[in-house]
């Protein structure tokens, strides 16, 4: 009987380290990327579009809304959950380099 309990704990531990832990780490990294999103960052949306963040609107009663520029003059409005990953970050002013701002 003790052997079955030991095997059960080993299987549960393996399940956690092989399947659950990597997913939790990926979700944590995604939340961190979204929370540090800045205007000018290039992102890859969950729909497969590369776009540049042009505006971030945060309101208490709604989800964070972002405006993305997929092509010159083509603005897309969506939620921050639509961002799959950040592909390129804008140099931060705090990092010593000038922040690049482009306006058309």
N, C-alpha and C. Protein backbone atom coordinates (compact mmCIF):
# COMPACT_ATOMS: atom_id res chain seq x y z
N UNK A 1 0.82 -1.20 0.00
CA UNK A 1 0.00 0.00 0.00
C UNK A 1 0.86 1.27 0.00
N UNK A 2 1.94 1.26 0.76
CA UNK A 2 2.82 2.43 0.83
C UNK A 2 3.49 2.70 -0.52
N UNK A 3 3.75 1.63 -1.28
CA UNK A 3 4.38 1.79 -2.59
C UNK A 3 3.45 2.54 -3.54
N UNK A 4 2.15 2.27 -3.48
CA UNK A 4 1.19 2.93 -4.35
C UNK A 4 1.09 4.42 -4.04
N UNK A 5 1.14 4.75 -2.77
CA UNK A 5 1.09 6.17 -2.37
C UNK A 5 2.35 6.89 -2.85
N UNK A 6 3.50 6.23 -2.71
CA UNK A 6 4.76 6.82 -3.17
C UNK A 6 4.72 7.04 -4.68
N UNK A 7 4.24 6.06 -5.44
CA UNK A 7 4.13 6.20 -6.89
C UNK A 7 3.16 7.32 -7.25
N UNK A 8 2.07 7.43 -6.51
CA UNK A 8 1.10 8.50 -6.75
C UNK A 8 1.75 9.87 -6.58
N UNK A 9 2.53 10.05 -5.51
CA UNK A 9 3.20 11.33 -5.28
C UNK A 9 4.25 11.60 -6.35
N UNK A 10 4.94 10.60 -6.83
CA UNK A 10 5.93 10.78 -7.89
C UNK A 10 5.23 11.21 -9.19
N UNK A 11 4.10 10.59 -9.51
CA UNK A 11 3.36 10.95 -10.72
C UNK A 11 2.83 12.38 -10.63
N UNK A 12 2.30 12.74 -9.46
CA UNK A 12 1.80 14.11 -9.27
C UNK A 12 2.94 15.11 -9.40
N UNK A 13 4.10 14.81 -8.80
CA UNK A 13 5.27 15.70 -8.91
C UNK A 13 5.74 15.83 -10.34
N UNK A 14 5.78 14.73 -11.06
CA UNK A 14 6.20 14.77 -12.47
C UNK A 14 5.21 15.59 -13.29
N UNK A 15 3.93 15.42 -13.04
CA UNK A 15 2.90 16.19 -13.73
C UNK A 15 3.12 17.68 -13.51
N UNK A 16 3.39 18.06 -12.28
CA UNK A 16 3.61 19.47 -11.97
C UNK A 16 4.82 20.02 -12.71
N UNK A 17 5.97 19.34 -12.62
CA UNK A 17 7.21 19.87 -13.20
C UNK A 17 7.25 19.76 -14.72
N UNK A 18 6.55 18.81 -15.31
CA UNK A 18 6.61 18.64 -16.76
C UNK A 18 5.53 19.45 -17.47
N UNK A 19 4.33 19.50 -16.89
CA UNK A 19 3.22 20.16 -17.58
C UNK A 19 2.80 21.49 -16.98
N UNK A 20 2.57 21.54 -15.71
CA UNK A 20 1.95 22.71 -15.09
C UNK A 20 2.93 23.87 -14.89
N UNK A 21 4.11 23.61 -14.41
CA UNK A 21 5.06 24.68 -14.09
C UNK A 21 5.45 25.52 -15.31
N UNK A 22 5.78 24.91 -16.46
CA UNK A 22 6.12 25.74 -17.63
C UNK A 22 4.97 26.64 -18.08
N UNK A 23 3.74 26.16 -17.99
CA UNK A 23 2.59 26.97 -18.38
C UNK A 23 2.44 28.16 -17.43
N UNK A 24 2.60 27.92 -16.15
CA UNK A 24 2.49 29.01 -15.17
C UNK A 24 3.59 30.04 -15.38
N UNK A 25 4.81 29.61 -15.70
CA UNK A 25 5.90 30.55 -15.96
C UNK A 25 5.64 31.37 -17.22
N UNK A 26 5.08 30.73 -18.25
CA UNK A 26 4.75 31.45 -19.48
C UNK A 26 3.67 32.49 -19.23
N UNK A 27 2.65 32.15 -18.45
CA UNK A 27 1.59 33.11 -18.13
C UNK A 27 2.15 34.28 -17.33
N UNK A 28 3.05 34.02 -16.40
CA UNK A 28 3.67 35.08 -15.60
C UNK A 28 4.50 36.01 -16.49
N UNK A 29 5.26 35.43 -17.42
CA UNK A 29 6.08 36.24 -18.34
C UNK A 29 5.19 37.10 -19.25
N UNK A 30 4.06 36.53 -19.71
CA UNK A 30 3.14 37.27 -20.57
C UNK A 30 2.51 38.44 -19.81
N UNK A 31 2.09 38.22 -18.57
CA UNK A 31 1.53 39.31 -17.75
C UNK A 31 2.57 40.40 -17.53
N UNK A 32 3.82 40.00 -17.31
CA UNK A 32 4.89 40.97 -17.12
C UNK A 32 5.12 41.79 -18.39
N UNK A 33 5.12 41.12 -19.55
CA UNK A 33 5.29 41.83 -20.82
C UNK A 33 4.16 42.83 -21.05
N UNK A 34 2.94 42.43 -20.78
CA UNK A 34 1.79 43.31 -20.99
C UNK A 34 1.84 44.50 -20.04
N UNK A 35 2.21 44.27 -18.80
CA UNK A 35 2.22 45.37 -17.83
C UNK A 35 3.34 46.38 -18.13
N UNK A 36 4.40 45.95 -18.80
CA UNK A 36 5.50 46.87 -19.11
C UNK A 36 5.44 47.39 -20.54
N UNK A 37 4.32 47.19 -21.21
CA UNK A 37 4.14 47.64 -22.59
C UNK A 37 4.20 49.17 -22.65
N UNK A 38 4.92 49.69 -23.66
CA UNK A 38 5.06 51.13 -23.84
C UNK A 38 4.71 51.51 -25.27
N UNK A 39 4.35 52.77 -25.44
CA UNK A 39 4.08 53.30 -26.79
C UNK A 39 5.37 53.20 -27.58
N UNK A 40 5.28 52.65 -28.79
CA UNK A 40 6.44 52.48 -29.66
C UNK A 40 6.96 51.05 -29.70
N UNK A 41 6.55 50.20 -28.76
CA UNK A 41 6.97 48.80 -28.77
C UNK A 41 6.35 48.09 -29.96
N UNK A 42 7.10 47.16 -30.53
CA UNK A 42 6.55 46.32 -31.60
C UNK A 42 6.05 45.03 -30.97
N UNK A 43 4.84 44.63 -31.34
CA UNK A 43 4.22 43.45 -30.76
C UNK A 43 3.76 42.50 -31.85
N UNK A 44 3.61 41.25 -31.48
CA UNK A 44 3.00 40.24 -32.34
C UNK A 44 1.67 39.90 -31.70
N UNK A 45 0.58 40.13 -32.42
CA UNK A 45 -0.75 39.87 -31.86
C UNK A 45 -1.06 38.39 -31.91
N UNK A 46 -2.07 38.00 -31.17
CA UNK A 46 -2.49 36.60 -31.18
C UNK A 46 -3.07 36.22 -32.53
N UNK A 47 -3.43 37.19 -33.35
CA UNK A 47 -3.92 36.94 -34.70
C UNK A 47 -2.81 36.82 -35.73
N UNK A 48 -1.55 37.06 -35.31
CA UNK A 48 -0.42 36.90 -36.22
C UNK A 48 0.05 38.17 -36.88
N UNK A 49 -0.44 39.34 -36.45
CA UNK A 49 -0.04 40.62 -37.04
C UNK A 49 1.09 41.24 -36.23
N UNK A 50 2.10 41.74 -36.92
CA UNK A 50 3.12 42.56 -36.28
C UNK A 50 2.61 44.00 -36.33
N UNK A 51 2.69 44.69 -35.21
CA UNK A 51 2.19 46.05 -35.15
C UNK A 51 2.98 46.84 -34.12
N UNK A 52 2.86 48.14 -34.19
CA UNK A 52 3.53 49.04 -33.26
C UNK A 52 2.47 49.67 -32.36
N UNK A 53 2.74 49.69 -31.06
CA UNK A 53 1.80 50.27 -30.09
C UNK A 53 1.84 51.78 -30.25
N UNK A 54 0.69 52.38 -30.51
CA UNK A 54 0.60 53.83 -30.67
C UNK A 54 -0.09 54.51 -29.50
N UNK A 55 -0.93 53.78 -28.79
CA UNK A 55 -1.68 54.38 -27.68
C UNK A 55 -2.06 53.29 -26.70
N UNK A 56 -2.04 53.61 -25.41
CA UNK A 56 -2.48 52.68 -24.36
C UNK A 56 -3.48 53.43 -23.50
N UNK A 57 -4.71 52.92 -23.43
CA UNK A 57 -5.77 53.54 -22.64
C UNK A 57 -6.15 52.61 -21.50
N UNK A 58 -5.92 53.07 -20.28
CA UNK A 58 -6.26 52.28 -19.10
C UNK A 58 -7.39 52.97 -18.36
N UNK A 59 -8.47 52.25 -18.14
CA UNK A 59 -9.61 52.78 -17.39
C UNK A 59 -10.01 51.76 -16.34
N UNK A 60 -10.53 52.24 -15.23
CA UNK A 60 -10.85 51.36 -14.12
C UNK A 60 -11.99 50.40 -14.44
N UNK A 61 -13.00 50.85 -15.17
CA UNK A 61 -14.19 50.03 -15.38
C UNK A 61 -14.09 49.12 -16.60
N UNK A 62 -13.00 49.21 -17.37
CA UNK A 62 -12.85 48.39 -18.57
C UNK A 62 -11.44 47.80 -18.63
N UNK A 63 -11.29 46.83 -19.52
CA UNK A 63 -9.97 46.24 -19.74
C UNK A 63 -9.08 47.24 -20.46
N UNK A 64 -7.77 47.11 -20.27
CA UNK A 64 -6.82 48.00 -20.93
C UNK A 64 -6.97 47.89 -22.43
N UNK A 65 -7.08 49.03 -23.08
CA UNK A 65 -7.27 49.09 -24.53
C UNK A 65 -6.00 49.64 -25.16
N UNK A 66 -5.59 49.03 -26.27
CA UNK A 66 -4.41 49.51 -26.98
C UNK A 66 -4.77 49.82 -28.42
N UNK A 67 -4.07 50.79 -28.98
CA UNK A 67 -4.22 51.13 -30.39
C UNK A 67 -2.90 50.74 -31.05
N UNK A 68 -3.00 49.89 -32.07
CA UNK A 68 -1.84 49.38 -32.77
C UNK A 68 -1.81 49.92 -34.20
N UNK A 69 -0.62 50.17 -34.71
CA UNK A 69 -0.46 50.57 -36.10
C UNK A 69 0.16 49.40 -36.85
N UNK A 70 -0.64 48.73 -37.67
CA UNK A 70 -0.19 47.55 -38.41
C UNK A 70 0.53 47.94 -39.70
N UNK A 71 0.15 49.05 -40.27
CA UNK A 71 0.78 49.60 -41.48
C UNK A 71 0.65 51.12 -41.37
N UNK A 72 1.44 51.87 -42.12
CA UNK A 72 1.32 53.33 -42.02
C UNK A 72 -0.11 53.79 -42.26
N UNK A 73 -0.69 54.41 -41.25
CA UNK A 73 -2.05 54.93 -41.35
C UNK A 73 -3.14 53.93 -41.02
N UNK A 74 -2.79 52.67 -40.78
CA UNK A 74 -3.79 51.64 -40.46
C UNK A 74 -3.75 51.36 -38.97
N UNK A 75 -4.73 51.91 -38.24
CA UNK A 75 -4.78 51.75 -36.79
C UNK A 75 -5.80 50.68 -36.42
N UNK A 76 -5.40 49.82 -35.49
CA UNK A 76 -6.27 48.76 -34.99
C UNK A 76 -6.47 48.98 -33.50
N UNK A 77 -7.69 48.84 -33.03
CA UNK A 77 -7.99 49.01 -31.62
C UNK A 77 -8.34 47.65 -31.03
N UNK A 78 -7.77 47.33 -29.88
CA UNK A 78 -8.05 46.04 -29.26
C UNK A 78 -7.68 46.06 -27.79
N UNK A 79 -7.80 44.92 -27.17
CA UNK A 79 -7.45 44.80 -25.76
C UNK A 79 -6.02 44.31 -25.63
N UNK A 80 -5.47 44.49 -24.45
CA UNK A 80 -4.10 44.05 -24.20
C UNK A 80 -3.98 42.53 -24.27
N UNK A 81 -5.08 41.82 -24.08
CA UNK A 81 -5.05 40.36 -24.16
C UNK A 81 -4.77 39.88 -25.58
N UNK A 82 -4.96 40.74 -26.58
CA UNK A 82 -4.70 40.37 -27.97
C UNK A 82 -3.22 40.36 -28.30
N UNK A 83 -2.39 40.90 -27.41
CA UNK A 83 -0.94 40.91 -27.64
C UNK A 83 -0.39 39.54 -27.29
N UNK A 84 0.21 38.90 -28.28
CA UNK A 84 0.81 37.59 -28.05
C UNK A 84 2.18 37.69 -27.41
N UNK A 85 3.01 38.57 -27.95
CA UNK A 85 4.35 38.77 -27.40
C UNK A 85 4.89 40.13 -27.86
N UNK A 86 5.87 40.62 -27.11
CA UNK A 86 6.54 41.86 -27.47
C UNK A 86 7.79 41.46 -28.24
N UNK A 87 7.91 41.93 -29.49
CA UNK A 87 9.04 41.52 -30.33
C UNK A 87 10.20 42.51 -30.26
N UNK A 88 9.91 43.78 -30.03
CA UNK A 88 10.98 44.78 -29.93
C UNK A 88 10.53 45.89 -29.00
N UNK A 89 11.39 46.26 -28.09
CA UNK A 89 11.09 47.31 -27.12
C UNK A 89 11.71 48.63 -27.56
N UNK A 90 11.04 49.70 -27.18
CA UNK A 90 11.57 51.04 -27.40
C UNK A 90 12.64 51.29 -26.35
N UNK A 91 13.77 51.89 -26.73
CA UNK A 91 14.78 52.21 -25.72
C UNK A 91 14.19 53.15 -24.66
N UNK A 92 14.40 52.80 -23.43
CA UNK A 92 13.84 53.57 -22.32
C UNK A 92 14.68 54.82 -22.07
N UNK A 93 14.03 55.90 -21.64
CA UNK A 93 14.74 57.13 -21.30
C UNK A 93 15.63 56.88 -20.09
N UNK A 94 15.17 56.03 -19.15
CA UNK A 94 15.93 55.71 -17.96
C UNK A 94 17.21 54.94 -18.27
N UNK A 95 17.24 54.21 -19.39
CA UNK A 95 18.38 53.40 -19.75
C UNK A 95 19.52 54.22 -20.34
N UNK A 96 19.31 55.53 -20.46
CA UNK A 96 20.37 56.40 -20.94
C UNK A 96 20.21 56.79 -22.39
N UNK A 97 19.44 56.03 -23.17
CA UNK A 97 19.24 56.36 -24.58
C UNK A 97 17.98 57.19 -24.74
N UNK A 98 17.92 57.99 -25.77
CA UNK A 98 16.71 58.78 -25.99
C UNK A 98 15.56 57.90 -26.44
N UNK A 99 14.39 58.20 -25.97
CA UNK A 99 13.19 57.45 -26.40
C UNK A 99 12.83 57.93 -27.79
N UNK A 100 12.64 57.01 -28.70
CA UNK A 100 12.29 57.40 -30.07
C UNK A 100 10.79 57.56 -30.18
N UNK A 101 10.37 58.73 -30.63
CA UNK A 101 8.94 58.98 -30.84
C UNK A 101 8.78 59.38 -32.28
N UNK A 102 7.91 58.69 -32.96
CA UNK A 102 7.64 59.04 -34.35
C UNK A 102 6.20 59.46 -34.46
N UNK A 103 5.98 60.56 -35.13
CA UNK A 103 4.60 61.02 -35.33
C UNK A 103 4.42 61.34 -36.81
N UNK A 104 3.30 60.95 -37.30
CA UNK A 104 3.01 61.18 -38.72
C UNK A 104 2.03 62.30 -38.88
